[in-house]
N, C-alpha and C. Protein backbone atom coordinates (compact mmCIF):
# COMPACT_ATOMS: atom_id res chain seq x y z
N UNK A 1 -3.23 -6.30 -56.09
CA UNK A 1 -3.12 -7.41 -55.13
C UNK A 1 -3.95 -6.69 -53.87
N UNK A 2 -4.78 -7.71 -53.50
CA UNK A 2 -5.51 -7.36 -52.19
C UNK A 2 -4.79 -8.25 -50.99
N UNK A 3 -4.47 -7.46 -49.75
CA UNK A 3 -3.77 -8.02 -48.99
C UNK A 3 -5.13 -8.49 -47.78
N UNK A 4 -4.76 -9.26 -46.99
CA UNK A 4 -5.80 -9.81 -45.85
C UNK A 4 -4.97 -9.66 -44.43
N UNK A 5 -5.54 -9.22 -43.50
CA UNK A 5 -4.76 -8.89 -42.38
C UNK A 5 -4.88 -10.26 -41.48
N UNK A 6 -3.66 -10.39 -40.93
CA UNK A 6 -4.00 -11.65 -40.43
C UNK A 6 -4.64 -11.75 -39.04
N UNK A 7 -5.27 -12.82 -38.63
CA UNK A 7 -5.94 -12.51 -37.27
C UNK A 7 -5.19 -12.53 -36.15
N UNK A 8 -5.42 -11.42 -35.11
CA UNK A 8 -4.88 -11.09 -33.88
C UNK A 8 -6.11 -11.02 -32.98
N UNK A 9 -5.52 -11.77 -32.12
CA UNK A 9 -6.72 -11.80 -30.79
C UNK A 9 -6.20 -10.45 -29.94
N UNK A 10 -7.44 -10.31 -28.96
CA UNK A 10 -7.17 -9.24 -27.86
C UNK A 10 -5.60 -9.87 -27.09
N UNK A 11 -5.60 -10.99 -26.75
CA UNK A 11 -4.50 -11.86 -26.10
C UNK A 11 -3.11 -11.24 -26.51
N UNK A 12 -3.49 -11.27 -28.08
CA UNK A 12 -1.80 -11.10 -28.87
C UNK A 12 -1.43 -9.79 -28.70
N UNK A 13 -2.26 -8.57 -28.53
CA UNK A 13 -1.59 -7.46 -28.40
C UNK A 13 -1.95 -6.40 -27.06
N UNK A 14 -2.52 -7.22 -26.35
CA UNK A 14 -2.79 -6.62 -25.03
C UNK A 14 -1.19 -6.29 -24.06
N UNK A 15 -1.58 -5.50 -23.04
CA UNK A 15 -0.49 -5.65 -22.34
C UNK A 15 -0.52 -6.48 -21.25
N UNK A 16 0.38 -7.11 -20.66
CA UNK A 16 0.17 -8.38 -20.03
C UNK A 16 0.16 -7.92 -18.30
N UNK A 17 0.10 -6.71 -17.90
CA UNK A 17 0.14 -6.42 -16.79
C UNK A 17 -1.12 -5.71 -16.21
N UNK A 18 -2.01 -6.28 -15.49
CA UNK A 18 -2.95 -5.96 -15.11
C UNK A 18 -2.86 -5.44 -13.60
N UNK A 19 -2.93 -4.39 -13.06
CA UNK A 19 -2.80 -4.12 -11.75
C UNK A 19 -3.94 -3.66 -10.98
N UNK A 20 -4.14 -4.38 -9.90
CA UNK A 20 -5.35 -4.20 -9.01
C UNK A 20 -5.06 -3.24 -7.84
N UNK A 21 -6.38 -2.57 -7.44
CA UNK A 21 -5.90 -1.58 -6.21
C UNK A 21 -7.56 -1.55 -5.74
N UNK A 22 -7.40 -1.58 -4.24
CA UNK A 22 -8.87 -1.35 -3.87
C UNK A 22 -9.54 0.08 -3.77
N UNK A 23 -10.72 -0.29 -3.79
CA UNK A 23 -11.62 1.11 -3.99
C UNK A 23 -11.52 2.02 -2.94
N UNK A 24 -11.00 1.80 -1.94
CA UNK A 24 -10.90 2.98 -0.60
C UNK A 24 -9.68 3.26 -0.71
N UNK A 25 -8.74 2.89 -1.62
CA UNK A 25 -7.47 3.84 -1.77
C UNK A 25 -7.75 5.31 -2.19
N UNK A 26 -6.69 6.12 -1.79
CA UNK A 26 -6.90 7.41 -2.00
C UNK A 26 -6.36 7.51 -3.67
N UNK A 27 -7.08 8.60 -4.07
CA UNK A 27 -6.29 9.05 -5.72
C UNK A 27 -4.77 9.18 -5.67
N UNK A 28 -4.53 9.58 -4.44
CA UNK A 28 -2.89 9.69 -4.32
C UNK A 28 -2.15 8.59 -4.33
N UNK A 29 -2.79 7.49 -3.89
CA UNK A 29 -2.17 6.21 -3.51
C UNK A 29 -2.25 5.25 -4.88
N UNK A 30 -3.40 5.74 -5.60
CA UNK A 30 -3.77 5.14 -7.05
C UNK A 30 -2.72 5.44 -7.95
N UNK A 31 -2.39 7.06 -7.95
CA UNK A 31 -1.11 7.48 -8.79
C UNK A 31 0.10 7.02 -8.40
N UNK A 32 0.59 6.91 -7.20
CA UNK A 32 1.67 6.31 -6.63
C UNK A 32 1.79 4.71 -7.23
N UNK A 33 0.78 3.98 -7.09
CA UNK A 33 0.83 2.87 -7.70
C UNK A 33 0.87 2.83 -9.36
N UNK A 34 0.55 3.58 -9.80
CA UNK A 34 0.44 3.79 -11.46
C UNK A 34 1.94 3.92 -11.53
N UNK A 35 2.55 5.13 -10.92
CA UNK A 35 4.05 5.35 -11.09
C UNK A 35 4.79 4.27 -10.91
N UNK A 36 4.44 3.78 -10.09
CA UNK A 36 5.51 2.39 -9.56
C UNK A 36 5.46 1.30 -10.68
N UNK A 37 4.00 1.02 -10.96
CA UNK A 37 4.19 -0.17 -11.97
C UNK A 37 4.31 0.29 -13.38
N UNK A 38 4.34 1.61 -13.64
CA UNK A 38 4.24 2.16 -14.85
C UNK A 38 3.33 1.89 -15.80
N UNK A 39 1.94 2.09 -15.22
CA UNK A 39 0.53 1.67 -15.83
C UNK A 39 0.04 3.01 -15.96
N UNK A 40 -0.86 3.09 -16.71
CA UNK A 40 -2.12 4.36 -16.91
C UNK A 40 -3.37 3.72 -16.96
N UNK A 41 -3.40 2.46 -15.92
CA UNK A 41 -4.78 1.69 -15.42
C UNK A 41 -4.69 1.12 -14.83
N UNK A 42 -5.69 1.11 -13.82
CA UNK A 42 -5.86 0.37 -12.66
C UNK A 42 -7.40 -0.14 -12.51
N UNK A 43 -7.18 -1.98 -12.14
CA UNK A 43 -8.38 -2.40 -12.35
C UNK A 43 -8.89 -2.44 -10.82
N UNK A 44 -10.22 -2.01 -10.48
CA UNK A 44 -10.42 -1.77 -8.86
C UNK A 44 -11.18 -3.38 -8.58
N UNK A 45 -10.44 -3.73 -7.41
CA UNK A 45 -11.09 -4.85 -7.11
C UNK A 45 -12.50 -5.15 -6.89
N UNK A 46 -13.21 -6.27 -6.78
CA UNK A 46 -14.15 -6.48 -6.35
C UNK A 46 -14.33 -6.64 -4.74
N UNK A 47 -15.47 -6.00 -4.16
CA UNK A 47 -15.55 -5.64 -2.66
C UNK A 47 -15.92 -7.50 -2.15
N UNK A 48 -16.76 -8.21 -2.89
CA UNK A 48 -17.21 -9.53 -2.45
C UNK A 48 -17.55 -10.45 -3.87
N UNK A 49 -17.73 -11.67 -3.56
CA UNK A 49 -17.97 -12.46 -4.99
C UNK A 49 -19.25 -12.00 -5.57
N UNK A 50 -20.41 -11.28 -5.34
CA UNK A 50 -21.29 -10.79 -6.03
C UNK A 50 -20.78 -9.44 -6.65
N UNK A 51 -19.86 -8.66 -6.25
CA UNK A 51 -19.43 -7.66 -6.90
C UNK A 51 -18.97 -7.60 -8.26
N UNK A 52 -18.84 -6.50 -8.91
CA UNK A 52 -17.88 -6.64 -10.12
C UNK A 52 -17.01 -5.75 -10.14
N UNK A 53 -16.11 -5.81 -11.19
CA UNK A 53 -14.77 -4.83 -11.34
C UNK A 53 -15.16 -3.44 -11.55
N UNK A 54 -14.06 -2.51 -11.13
CA UNK A 54 -14.10 -1.24 -11.73
C UNK A 54 -12.67 -1.15 -12.57
N UNK A 55 -12.75 0.31 -13.01
CA UNK A 55 -11.58 0.60 -13.38
C UNK A 55 -11.44 2.17 -13.40
N UNK A 56 -9.89 2.50 -13.25
CA UNK A 56 -9.68 3.92 -12.97
C UNK A 56 -8.31 4.21 -14.02
N UNK A 57 -8.70 5.55 -14.60
CA UNK A 57 -7.62 5.86 -15.87
C UNK A 57 -7.23 7.20 -15.50
N UNK A 58 -6.66 7.48 -16.23
CA UNK A 58 -5.93 9.08 -15.98
C UNK A 58 -6.72 9.95 -16.10
N UNK A 59 -7.68 9.70 -16.91
CA UNK A 59 -8.56 10.79 -17.14
C UNK A 59 -9.51 11.02 -16.06
N UNK A 60 -9.63 9.98 -15.10
CA UNK A 60 -10.67 9.87 -14.00
C UNK A 60 -10.11 10.95 -13.10
N UNK A 61 -8.80 11.04 -12.79
CA UNK A 61 -8.37 11.78 -12.01
C UNK A 61 -8.16 13.19 -12.29
N UNK A 62 -8.14 13.52 -13.73
CA UNK A 62 -8.59 14.83 -14.31
C UNK A 62 -9.98 15.32 -13.83
N UNK A 63 -10.88 14.55 -14.24
CA UNK A 63 -12.25 14.70 -13.95
C UNK A 63 -12.56 14.80 -12.45
N UNK A 64 -12.41 13.81 -11.57
CA UNK A 64 -12.56 13.59 -10.35
C UNK A 64 -11.72 14.55 -9.51
N UNK A 65 -10.76 15.00 -9.50
CA UNK A 65 -10.02 15.24 -8.54
C UNK A 65 -9.29 16.74 -9.18
N UNK A 66 -8.48 16.92 -9.97
CA UNK A 66 -8.22 18.23 -10.46
C UNK A 66 -8.93 19.23 -10.75
N UNK A 67 -10.10 18.97 -11.72
CA UNK A 67 -11.33 20.00 -12.36
C UNK A 67 -11.92 20.60 -10.94
N UNK A 68 -12.59 19.58 -10.08
CA UNK A 68 -13.39 19.99 -9.02
C UNK A 68 -12.50 20.48 -7.87
N UNK A 69 -11.14 20.54 -7.97
CA UNK A 69 -10.19 21.35 -7.31
C UNK A 69 -10.18 20.82 -6.01
N UNK A 70 -9.82 19.51 -6.10
CA UNK A 70 -9.77 18.74 -4.72
C UNK A 70 -8.50 18.22 -4.55
N UNK A 71 -7.96 17.70 -3.21
CA UNK A 71 -6.84 16.97 -3.10
C UNK A 71 -6.67 15.78 -3.32
N UNK A 72 -5.44 15.13 -3.76
CA UNK A 72 -5.81 13.87 -4.14
C UNK A 72 -5.79 12.69 -3.01
N UNK A 73 -5.60 13.53 -1.74
CA UNK A 73 -5.72 12.72 -0.68
C UNK A 73 -7.17 12.54 -0.09
N UNK A 74 -8.27 13.29 -0.44
CA UNK A 74 -9.44 13.45 -0.10
C UNK A 74 -10.29 12.76 -0.94
N UNK A 75 -9.97 12.14 -2.17
CA UNK A 75 -11.07 11.62 -3.15
C UNK A 75 -10.51 10.09 -2.91
N UNK A 76 -11.45 9.19 -3.03
CA UNK A 76 -11.11 7.75 -2.77
C UNK A 76 -11.61 7.21 -4.29
N UNK A 77 -10.72 6.27 -4.55
CA UNK A 77 -10.78 5.60 -5.78
C UNK A 77 -12.32 5.15 -6.40
N UNK A 78 -13.07 4.86 -5.35
CA UNK A 78 -14.45 4.56 -5.83
C UNK A 78 -15.26 5.64 -6.24
N UNK A 79 -14.63 6.78 -5.93
CA UNK A 79 -15.64 8.05 -6.27
C UNK A 79 -15.52 8.43 -7.57
N UNK A 80 -14.46 8.08 -8.16
CA UNK A 80 -13.97 8.49 -9.70
C UNK A 80 -13.67 7.31 -10.52
N UNK A 81 -13.80 6.28 -10.13
CA UNK A 81 -13.78 4.90 -11.20
C UNK A 81 -14.70 4.88 -11.81
N UNK A 82 -14.87 4.11 -12.90
CA UNK A 82 -16.10 3.43 -14.06
C UNK A 82 -16.28 1.92 -13.42
N UNK A 83 -17.38 1.94 -12.94
CA UNK A 83 -18.19 0.60 -12.80
C UNK A 83 -19.56 0.41 -13.09
N UNK A 84 -19.78 -0.80 -13.63
CA UNK A 84 -19.10 -1.98 -13.93
C UNK A 84 -17.91 -2.10 -15.31
N UNK A 85 -16.95 -2.34 -14.97
CA UNK A 85 -15.84 -2.36 -16.12
C UNK A 85 -16.43 -3.12 -17.49
N UNK A 86 -16.35 -2.74 -18.60
CA UNK A 86 -16.28 -3.64 -19.72
C UNK A 86 -15.13 -4.18 -20.22
N UNK A 87 -15.30 -5.62 -20.38
CA UNK A 87 -13.83 -6.39 -20.39
C UNK A 87 -14.29 -6.89 -21.84
N UNK A 88 -13.14 -7.66 -22.26
CA UNK A 88 -13.17 -8.12 -23.44
C UNK A 88 -12.68 -9.53 -23.75
N UNK A 89 -13.34 -10.46 -24.38
CA UNK A 89 -12.65 -11.79 -24.32
C UNK A 89 -11.01 -12.14 -24.89
N UNK A 90 -10.34 -13.08 -24.25
CA UNK A 90 -8.74 -12.93 -24.58
C UNK A 90 -8.90 -13.32 -26.30
N UNK A 91 -9.83 -13.83 -26.52
CA UNK A 91 -9.77 -14.52 -27.84
C UNK A 91 -10.44 -13.62 -28.97
N UNK A 92 -10.93 -12.60 -28.70
CA UNK A 92 -11.63 -11.44 -29.68
C UNK A 92 -10.73 -11.00 -30.57
N UNK A 93 -11.32 -11.17 -31.64
CA UNK A 93 -10.46 -10.37 -32.88
C UNK A 93 -10.06 -9.02 -32.49
N UNK A 94 -8.90 -8.48 -32.86
CA UNK A 94 -8.59 -6.70 -32.72
C UNK A 94 -9.74 -6.15 -33.57
N UNK A 95 -10.07 -6.58 -34.75
CA UNK A 95 -10.86 -5.97 -35.33
C UNK A 95 -12.39 -5.64 -34.44
N UNK A 96 -13.02 -6.72 -34.05
CA UNK A 96 -14.12 -6.38 -33.04
C UNK A 96 -13.74 -5.48 -31.92
N UNK A 97 -12.51 -5.75 -31.13
CA UNK A 97 -12.05 -4.98 -30.02
C UNK A 97 -12.26 -3.59 -30.31
N UNK A 98 -11.47 -3.30 -31.72
CA UNK A 98 -11.67 -1.67 -32.19
C UNK A 98 -12.94 -1.16 -32.29
N UNK A 99 -13.92 -2.13 -33.12
CA UNK A 99 -15.39 -1.59 -32.93
C UNK A 99 -15.93 -1.38 -31.87
N UNK A 100 -15.86 -2.21 -30.92
CA UNK A 100 -16.42 -2.24 -29.67
C UNK A 100 -15.75 -0.78 -29.12
N UNK A 101 -14.68 -0.53 -28.92
CA UNK A 101 -14.06 0.95 -28.38
C UNK A 101 -14.85 2.05 -29.20
N UNK A 102 -15.04 1.67 -30.41
CA UNK A 102 -15.29 2.98 -31.03
C UNK A 102 -16.90 3.25 -30.67
N UNK A 103 -17.75 1.96 -30.67
CA UNK A 103 -19.16 2.27 -30.81
C UNK A 103 -19.55 2.54 -29.30
N UNK A 104 -18.89 2.30 -28.05
CA UNK A 104 -19.10 2.44 -26.97
C UNK A 104 -18.23 3.75 -26.29
N UNK A 105 -17.51 4.23 -27.05
CA UNK A 105 -16.98 5.37 -26.55
C UNK A 105 -15.62 5.27 -25.43
N UNK A 106 -15.16 3.83 -25.24
CA UNK A 106 -14.02 3.63 -24.29
C UNK A 106 -12.60 3.63 -25.06
N UNK A 107 -11.72 3.67 -24.42
CA UNK A 107 -10.28 3.78 -24.81
C UNK A 107 -9.49 2.22 -24.32
N UNK A 108 -9.77 1.79 -23.48
CA UNK A 108 -8.93 0.77 -22.72
C UNK A 108 -9.96 -0.24 -22.19
N UNK A 109 -9.73 -1.27 -21.92
CA UNK A 109 -10.42 -2.39 -21.28
C UNK A 109 -9.54 -3.49 -20.66
N UNK A 110 -9.89 -4.10 -19.71
CA UNK A 110 -9.32 -5.44 -19.45
C UNK A 110 -9.73 -6.54 -20.37
N UNK A 111 -8.74 -7.31 -20.39
CA UNK A 111 -8.83 -8.64 -21.16
C UNK A 111 -9.47 -9.81 -20.25
N UNK A 112 -10.20 -10.80 -20.53
CA UNK A 112 -10.57 -11.44 -19.77
C UNK A 112 -10.57 -12.96 -20.11
N UNK A 113 -10.12 -13.89 -19.35
CA UNK A 113 -9.88 -15.22 -19.97
C UNK A 113 -10.19 -16.26 -18.76
N UNK A 114 -11.05 -17.21 -19.13
CA UNK A 114 -11.54 -18.24 -18.05
C UNK A 114 -12.01 -17.60 -16.70
N UNK A 115 -12.82 -16.30 -16.81
CA UNK A 115 -13.14 -15.77 -15.59
C UNK A 115 -12.38 -14.84 -15.07
N UNK A 116 -10.69 -14.58 -15.41
CA UNK A 116 -9.59 -14.04 -14.81
C UNK A 116 -9.52 -12.81 -15.80
N UNK A 117 -9.22 -11.65 -15.01
CA UNK A 117 -8.61 -10.44 -16.10
C UNK A 117 -7.16 -10.79 -15.83
N UNK A 118 -6.69 -10.84 -17.22
CA UNK A 118 -5.01 -11.25 -17.64
C UNK A 118 -4.51 -10.10 -18.13
N UNK A 119 -4.97 -9.00 -18.48
CA UNK A 119 -4.25 -7.77 -18.97
C UNK A 119 -5.18 -6.75 -19.31
N UNK A 120 -4.49 -5.95 -19.94
CA UNK A 120 -5.27 -4.44 -20.22
C UNK A 120 -5.10 -4.53 -22.04
N UNK A 121 -5.97 -4.16 -22.55
CA UNK A 121 -6.08 -3.58 -24.07
C UNK A 121 -6.56 -2.02 -24.29
N UNK A 122 -5.72 -1.61 -24.71
CA UNK A 122 -6.01 0.23 -25.38
C UNK A 122 -5.73 0.51 -26.58
N UNK A 123 -6.71 1.52 -27.22
CA UNK A 123 -6.36 1.97 -28.45
C UNK A 123 -5.12 2.22 -29.21
N UNK A 124 -3.89 2.37 -28.12
CA UNK A 124 -2.81 2.48 -28.45
C UNK A 124 -2.12 1.24 -28.72
N UNK A 125 -2.60 -0.10 -27.94
CA UNK A 125 -2.12 -1.39 -27.98
C UNK A 125 -2.61 -1.78 -29.65
N UNK A 126 -3.74 -1.26 -30.16
CA UNK A 126 -4.39 -1.71 -31.31
C UNK A 126 -3.69 -1.15 -32.56
N UNK A 127 -2.96 -0.09 -32.15
CA UNK A 127 -2.34 0.87 -33.67
C UNK A 127 -0.84 0.62 -33.11
N UNK A 128 -0.48 1.61 -32.18
CA UNK A 128 1.18 1.85 -31.83
C UNK A 128 1.93 0.54 -31.37
N UNK A 129 1.58 -0.24 -30.71
CA UNK A 129 2.06 -1.26 -30.14
C UNK A 129 1.75 -2.69 -30.92
N UNK A 130 1.10 -2.51 -32.17
CA UNK A 130 0.88 -3.63 -32.89
C UNK A 130 1.91 -3.91 -34.11
N UNK A 131 2.54 -4.97 -33.95
CA UNK A 131 3.57 -5.12 -34.81
C UNK A 131 3.08 -5.50 -36.61
N UNK A 132 1.72 -5.82 -36.44
CA UNK A 132 1.10 -6.23 -37.72
C UNK A 132 0.70 -4.88 -38.58
N UNK A 133 0.44 -3.90 -37.82
CA UNK A 133 0.19 -2.35 -38.28
C UNK A 133 1.06 -1.79 -39.19
């Protein structure tokens, strides 16, 4: 007997908490916000309407603060973030989300619906937090 996987969208498995930060915030402030909100990802706000979102993850603090032996107070978020951020549509099947992540080498992305970032989806969400897995 062949089992067929049920359809799941990015919205179905995403974390519903998208936390935003200003790019001028320090790495210290960013980590404090991550601790407070219990998240591992922050979305960096646009500076204006023509700008795009950025993203900062724990890996960025390792690469941009710890390895270069800087203090978290001397590094701003804009210096270590990834920009532009790659987002996925809320309706995208998780099969395609996983394929996209593997092809471009990312682990996490914001979920977008009607032009707004409504959540975050990660490799963990696709496997560990997925009730159909």
